[in-house]
Amino acid sequence: MAQNLSFVYVDQFRGAGSTVMRGFQLADIAQAHLGRRVRVTVRPLGPDFRRSTLFLTKGALKVATAETLSRLKARGNRLMFDVVDELPPDTTGEFADVVVASSLTAFEAYAREFPRIPVALVNHHVDPRLDAATAGTHPDTFRIGYFGERENAVLTPRIEEVVEAVHIDTSKEDTRWLESIRDFSMHYAVRRTRLLDQYKPFLKGFTAAHAGAPILIQRSQEEAVRWLGADYPYLLDDPVSEDRILAAIAQARAEFGGARWHEALDVMAGLRERTRPERIAAELAALLV
């Protein structure tokens, strides 16, 4: 008999990146790869769920009250909390049956914080439209771009003379970046630390990997180093400065197509393999045993 797996969102955050990717797109991955053993739906938060596994997206957990979660539990539902890059809500200890981590660092932190609740790793997937957008493309010149919200990156007028910033609005569904990503041979991800940052998945790295491009990021980003390895060629040592960033970009430009460049590409190919939809689906399947 098939299990019921529902990805739960709220209309208020329906267009947010976390809802689109960890709700609708993750549901599509589950539907495509888990076969007849799972009946997959995507539904808004409400009282009608019964005897189902509910994958509560970040937006749904912002809205769900203790009363709402209590009613869902009383109807025989199994609740999975997926906060992605935010802290688990205060309701976690009482109502979560599983705490879902989307990064290696989050998995370890949640395991320490919630020793009595199962913690599971479901790594963040890339936008499934990306592979189609970049299929067969191999830029033959050096061009480095930043894809994301500008406030998250170290960008100055001098840096933007060599790094092209392609803005992505994660508060709504925005796919314009897919039209240009194929034109870049390297991705820039030197991060500006913000107080609201928690355990961010290495999505920029996964995106670069699926686009067939190396990434430039600072060594102090622990999640990135976990995936890339300490010997990855394009890790920027701290302290990060404008001059160091520009020097690192100049070095990458000089090495384009050479031995170190191909060493970086080999590492990125490993990331691409580890974040294939089949691998993400297997991590989801492990939640359902």
Protein backbone atom coordinates (compact mmCIF):
# COMPACT_ATOMS: atom_id res chain seq x y z
CA MET A 1 0.00 0.00 0.00
CA ALA A 2 1.39 3.39 -1.01
CA GLN A 3 2.34 5.91 1.65
CA ASN A 4 0.88 9.41 1.49
CA LEU A 5 3.56 12.10 1.26
CA SER A 6 2.33 15.68 1.12
CA PHE A 7 4.51 18.74 0.66
CA VAL A 8 2.76 21.46 2.60
CA TYR A 9 2.93 25.17 1.85
CA VAL A 10 0.96 28.34 2.61
CA ASP A 11 -0.40 30.73 -0.02
CA GLN A 12 1.43 33.64 1.61
CA PHE A 13 4.76 32.12 0.59
CA ARG A 14 3.67 30.15 -2.47
CA GLY A 15 6.05 31.96 -4.81
CA ALA A 16 9.02 32.01 -2.43
CA GLY A 17 12.11 30.14 -3.54
CA SER A 18 11.93 27.76 -0.59
CA THR A 19 8.33 26.81 -1.43
CA VAL A 20 9.01 26.39 -5.14
CA MET A 21 12.15 24.31 -4.64
CA ARG A 22 11.56 22.41 -1.39
CA GLY A 23 7.84 22.10 -2.04
CA PHE A 24 6.77 21.82 -5.64
CA GLN A 25 10.08 20.80 -7.22
CA LEU A 26 10.98 18.34 -4.48
CA ALA A 27 7.53 16.81 -4.86
CA ASP A 28 8.20 16.37 -8.59
CA ILE A 29 11.49 14.62 -7.79
CA ALA A 30 9.71 12.31 -5.35
CA GLN A 31 6.96 11.58 -7.86
CA ALA A 32 9.46 10.76 -10.61
CA HIS A 33 11.77 8.53 -8.61
CA LEU A 34 9.87 6.91 -5.75
CA GLY A 35 7.43 5.07 -7.95
CA ARG A 36 4.31 3.36 -6.70
CA ARG A 37 5.44 3.11 -3.09
CA VAL A 38 4.55 6.78 -2.43
CA ARG A 39 1.49 8.85 -3.28
CA VAL A 40 2.81 12.40 -3.62
CA THR A 41 0.76 15.60 -3.35
CA VAL A 42 1.47 19.30 -2.84
CA ARG A 43 -1.20 20.97 -0.73
CA PRO A 44 -1.76 24.12 1.31
CA LEU A 45 -1.66 23.93 5.09
CA GLY A 46 -5.05 22.97 6.47
CA PRO A 47 -6.93 20.62 8.80
CA ASP A 48 -7.84 17.90 6.29
CA PHE A 49 -4.67 15.80 6.31
CA ARG A 50 -5.05 12.32 7.82
CA ARG A 51 -2.54 9.50 8.31
CA SER A 52 0.01 11.10 6.00
CA THR A 53 3.64 12.14 6.10
CA LEU A 54 3.66 15.93 5.90
CA PHE A 55 6.81 17.67 4.65
CA LEU A 56 6.26 21.15 6.08
CA THR A 57 8.07 23.80 4.04
CA LYS A 58 9.81 26.82 5.54
CA GLY A 59 6.88 29.11 4.81
CA ALA A 60 4.35 26.70 6.32
CA LEU A 61 6.40 26.49 9.51
CA LYS A 62 6.41 30.27 9.78
CA VAL A 63 2.62 30.22 9.88
CA ALA A 64 1.73 26.94 11.63
CA THR A 65 0.71 27.48 15.24
CA ALA A 66 1.01 24.97 18.06
CA GLU A 67 -2.76 24.47 17.82
CA THR A 68 -2.54 23.69 14.09
CA LEU A 69 0.32 21.25 14.58
CA SER A 70 -1.47 19.58 17.49
CA ARG A 71 -4.56 18.97 15.33
CA LEU A 72 -2.43 17.50 12.57
CA LYS A 73 -0.73 15.13 15.00
CA ALA A 74 -4.09 14.10 16.46
CA ARG A 75 -5.21 12.99 13.00
CA GLY A 76 -2.35 10.53 12.71
CA ASN A 77 0.00 12.61 10.58
CA ARG A 78 3.77 12.38 10.76
CA LEU A 79 5.32 15.86 10.70
CA MET A 80 8.64 16.69 9.05
CA PHE A 81 10.02 20.17 9.70
CA ASP A 82 12.12 21.63 6.85
CA VAL A 83 13.38 25.11 7.72
CA VAL A 84 16.18 25.10 5.08
CA ASP A 85 18.38 28.00 6.23
CA GLU A 86 16.49 29.27 9.27
CA LEU A 87 16.37 28.11 12.87
CA PRO A 88 13.76 25.46 13.74
CA PRO A 89 10.68 27.06 15.35
CA ASP A 90 9.88 26.79 19.05
CA THR A 91 7.26 24.15 18.22
CA THR A 92 9.89 21.70 16.97
CA GLY A 93 10.59 19.88 20.22
CA GLU A 94 6.92 19.15 20.88
CA PHE A 95 5.56 18.41 17.42
CA ALA A 96 8.28 17.44 14.93
CA ASP A 97 8.58 13.74 14.17
CA VAL A 98 11.60 14.42 11.96
CA VAL A 99 13.79 17.50 11.65
CA VAL A 100 15.00 17.79 8.06
CA ALA A 101 18.40 19.33 7.34
CA SER A 102 19.31 20.65 3.91
CA SER A 103 23.03 21.00 4.67
CA LEU A 104 25.75 18.97 6.36
CA THR A 105 26.39 21.63 9.00
CA ALA A 106 22.67 21.88 9.79
CA PHE A 107 22.43 18.10 10.14
CA GLU A 108 25.14 18.07 12.79
CA ALA A 109 23.73 21.09 14.62
CA TYR A 110 20.16 19.74 14.71
CA ALA A 111 21.37 16.36 15.94
CA ARG A 112 22.98 18.11 18.91
CA GLU A 113 20.00 20.39 19.55
CA PHE A 114 17.30 17.71 19.25
CA PRO A 115 18.82 14.48 20.59
CA ARG A 116 15.39 12.87 21.06
CA ILE A 117 14.06 13.61 17.57
CA PRO A 118 15.27 11.89 14.38
CA VAL A 119 17.24 14.27 12.17
CA ALA A 120 17.49 13.50 8.46
CA LEU A 121 19.57 14.98 5.67
CA VAL A 122 17.84 15.84 2.41
CA ASN A 123 20.39 17.86 0.50
CA HIS A 124 19.19 20.79 -1.53
CA HIS A 125 18.63 20.02 -5.19
CA VAL A 126 19.27 22.42 -8.05
CA ASP A 127 16.50 23.86 -10.15
CA PRO A 128 15.56 20.97 -12.46
CA ARG A 129 15.36 23.38 -15.40
CA LEU A 130 19.07 24.12 -15.05
CA ASP A 131 20.39 20.97 -16.70
CA ALA A 132 18.26 21.60 -19.77
CA ALA A 133 19.32 25.24 -19.90
CA THR A 134 23.02 24.39 -19.84
CA ALA A 135 23.06 21.15 -21.83
CA GLY A 136 25.96 21.00 -24.27
CA THR A 137 27.31 24.44 -23.38
CA HIS A 138 31.00 24.97 -22.70
CA PRO A 139 32.02 28.65 -22.80
CA ASP A 140 35.39 29.02 -24.51
CA THR A 141 36.32 32.27 -22.76
CA PHE A 142 36.64 33.26 -19.11
CA ARG A 143 33.56 34.98 -17.77
CA ILE A 144 32.61 35.05 -14.10
CA GLY A 145 29.14 35.78 -12.76
CA TYR A 146 27.28 36.03 -9.46
CA PHE A 147 23.76 34.58 -9.31
CA GLY A 148 21.66 35.60 -6.32
CA GLU A 149 20.54 38.49 -4.16
CA ARG A 150 23.14 41.24 -4.20
CA GLU A 151 23.07 41.83 -0.45
CA ASN A 152 24.36 38.29 0.14
CA ALA A 153 27.62 38.81 -1.79
CA VAL A 154 30.77 40.85 -1.42
CA LEU A 155 30.36 43.21 -4.37
CA THR A 156 32.10 46.54 -4.85
CA PRO A 157 32.38 48.78 -7.92
CA ARG A 158 35.86 47.37 -8.66
CA ILE A 159 34.69 43.77 -8.24
CA GLU A 160 31.71 44.42 -10.50
CA GLU A 161 34.07 45.53 -13.22
CA VAL A 162 35.01 41.85 -13.59
CA VAL A 163 32.07 40.00 -11.97
CA GLU A 164 28.67 40.25 -13.64
CA ALA A 165 25.89 40.21 -11.05
CA VAL A 166 22.69 38.46 -12.14
CA HIS A 167 20.02 39.24 -9.56
CA ILE A 168 17.66 36.48 -8.43
CA ASP A 169 14.69 37.48 -6.30
CA THR A 170 14.17 34.52 -3.96
CA SER A 171 10.94 35.99 -2.56
CA LYS A 172 9.12 35.05 -5.76
CA GLU A 173 9.53 32.66 -8.65
CA ASP A 174 12.19 34.21 -10.88
CA THR A 175 13.60 32.22 -13.79
CA ARG A 176 15.28 34.94 -15.87
CA TRP A 177 18.72 33.87 -14.59
CA LEU A 178 18.38 30.59 -16.46
CA GLU A 179 18.59 32.48 -19.75
CA SER A 180 22.12 33.71 -19.05
CA ILE A 181 23.76 31.09 -16.85
CA ARG A 182 25.07 29.11 -19.82
CA ASP A 183 27.28 32.04 -20.81
CA PHE A 184 29.47 31.96 -17.69
CA SER A 185 32.53 29.79 -17.24
CA MET A 186 32.95 30.50 -13.50
CA HIS A 187 30.57 31.36 -10.65
CA TYR A 188 31.32 33.90 -7.94
CA ALA A 189 30.05 33.20 -4.42
CA VAL A 190 32.18 35.21 -2.00
CA ARG A 191 29.62 35.65 0.72
CA ARG A 192 28.84 38.64 2.90
CA THR A 193 27.95 37.37 6.36
CA ARG A 194 24.58 38.55 7.68
CA LEU A 195 23.11 38.21 11.16
CA LEU A 196 20.13 36.27 9.84
CA ASP A 197 22.35 33.60 8.27
CA GLN A 198 22.07 30.17 9.83
CA TYR A 199 22.97 26.89 8.11
CA LYS A 200 22.81 27.59 4.41
CA PRO A 201 22.94 24.70 1.96
CA PHE A 202 25.64 24.97 -0.69
CA LEU A 203 23.11 25.66 -3.42
CA LYS A 204 25.34 28.10 -5.28
CA GLY A 205 27.98 25.39 -5.46
CA PHE A 206 25.49 22.80 -6.66
CA THR A 207 24.18 25.24 -9.27
CA ALA A 208 27.70 25.91 -10.55
CA ALA A 209 28.38 22.18 -10.64
CA HIS A 210 25.31 21.43 -12.72
CA ALA A 211 26.25 24.31 -15.03
CA GLY A 212 29.72 22.77 -15.47
CA ALA A 213 31.56 25.70 -13.90
CA PRO A 214 34.05 26.10 -11.04
CA ILE A 215 33.09 28.36 -8.16
CA LEU A 216 35.07 30.99 -6.25
CA ILE A 217 34.21 31.18 -2.53
CA GLN A 218 35.99 31.89 0.72
CA ARG A 219 37.50 29.12 2.83
CA SER A 220 35.62 30.29 5.95
CA GLN A 221 32.34 28.99 4.46
CA GLU A 222 32.33 25.65 6.25
CA GLU A 223 29.56 24.05 4.21
CA ALA A 224 31.37 24.86 0.99
CA VAL A 225 34.64 23.33 2.20
CA ARG A 226 32.79 20.18 3.30
CA TRP A 227 31.71 19.68 -0.30
CA LEU A 228 34.71 21.03 -2.19
CA GLY A 229 37.51 19.77 0.04
CA ALA A 230 40.26 21.85 1.61
CA ASP A 231 42.49 21.46 -1.48
CA TYR A 232 39.96 22.82 -3.98
CA PRO A 233 41.89 25.34 -6.14
CA TYR A 234 39.58 28.34 -5.86
CA LEU A 235 39.06 28.76 -2.12
CA LEU A 236 39.81 32.32 -1.05
CA ASP A 237 41.75 32.58 2.20
CA ASP A 238 40.59 34.94 4.92
CA PRO A 239 40.57 37.76 5.68
CA VAL A 240 38.59 38.51 2.54
CA SER A 241 39.33 41.86 0.91
CA GLU A 242 38.63 43.52 -2.39
CA ASP A 243 42.27 43.18 -3.45
CA ARG A 244 42.38 39.47 -2.56
CA ILE A 245 39.18 38.82 -4.46
CA LEU A 246 40.44 40.61 -7.54
CA ALA A 247 43.76 38.77 -7.36
CA ALA A 248 41.96 35.41 -7.09
CA ILE A 249 39.80 36.22 -10.11
CA ALA A 250 42.87 37.28 -12.09
CA GLN A 251 44.57 34.01 -11.19
CA ALA A 252 41.51 31.99 -12.25
CA ARG A 253 41.40 33.90 -15.53
CA ALA A 254 45.07 33.10 -16.13
CA GLU A 255 44.49 29.43 -15.35
CA PHE A 256 41.36 29.08 -17.50
CA GLY A 257 41.55 25.80 -19.39
CA GLY A 258 44.73 24.70 -17.62
CA ALA A 259 45.56 21.95 -15.13
CA ARG A 260 44.23 23.70 -12.00
CA TRP A 261 41.08 24.71 -13.84
CA HIS A 262 40.41 21.10 -14.82
CA GLU A 263 41.17 19.99 -11.26
CA ALA A 264 38.41 22.33 -10.10
CA LEU A 265 36.07 21.01 -12.80
CA ASP A 266 36.66 17.45 -11.58
CA VAL A 267 35.64 18.48 -8.06
CA MET A 268 32.51 20.16 -9.41
CA ALA A 269 31.63 17.02 -11.38
CA GLY A 270 31.66 15.15 -8.08
CA LEU A 271 29.21 17.65 -6.62
CA ARG A 272 26.97 17.24 -9.65
CA GLU A 273 26.94 13.47 -9.20
CA ARG A 274 26.15 13.72 -5.47
CA THR A 275 23.19 16.05 -6.08
CA ARG A 276 21.52 14.25 -8.97
CA PRO A 277 17.72 14.00 -8.58
CA GLU A 278 18.06 10.24 -8.00
CA ARG A 279 20.34 10.88 -5.03
CA ILE A 280 17.97 13.46 -3.55
CA ALA A 281 15.05 11.07 -4.05
CA ALA A 282 16.96 8.35 -2.19
CA GLU A 283 17.42 10.72 0.75
CA LEU A 284 13.68 11.39 0.71
CA ALA A 285 12.94 7.68 0.54
CA ALA A 286 14.98 7.12 3.70
CA LEU A 287 12.48 9.32 5.56
CA LEU A 288 9.62 7.00 4.72
CA VAL A 289 10.91 3.71 6.13
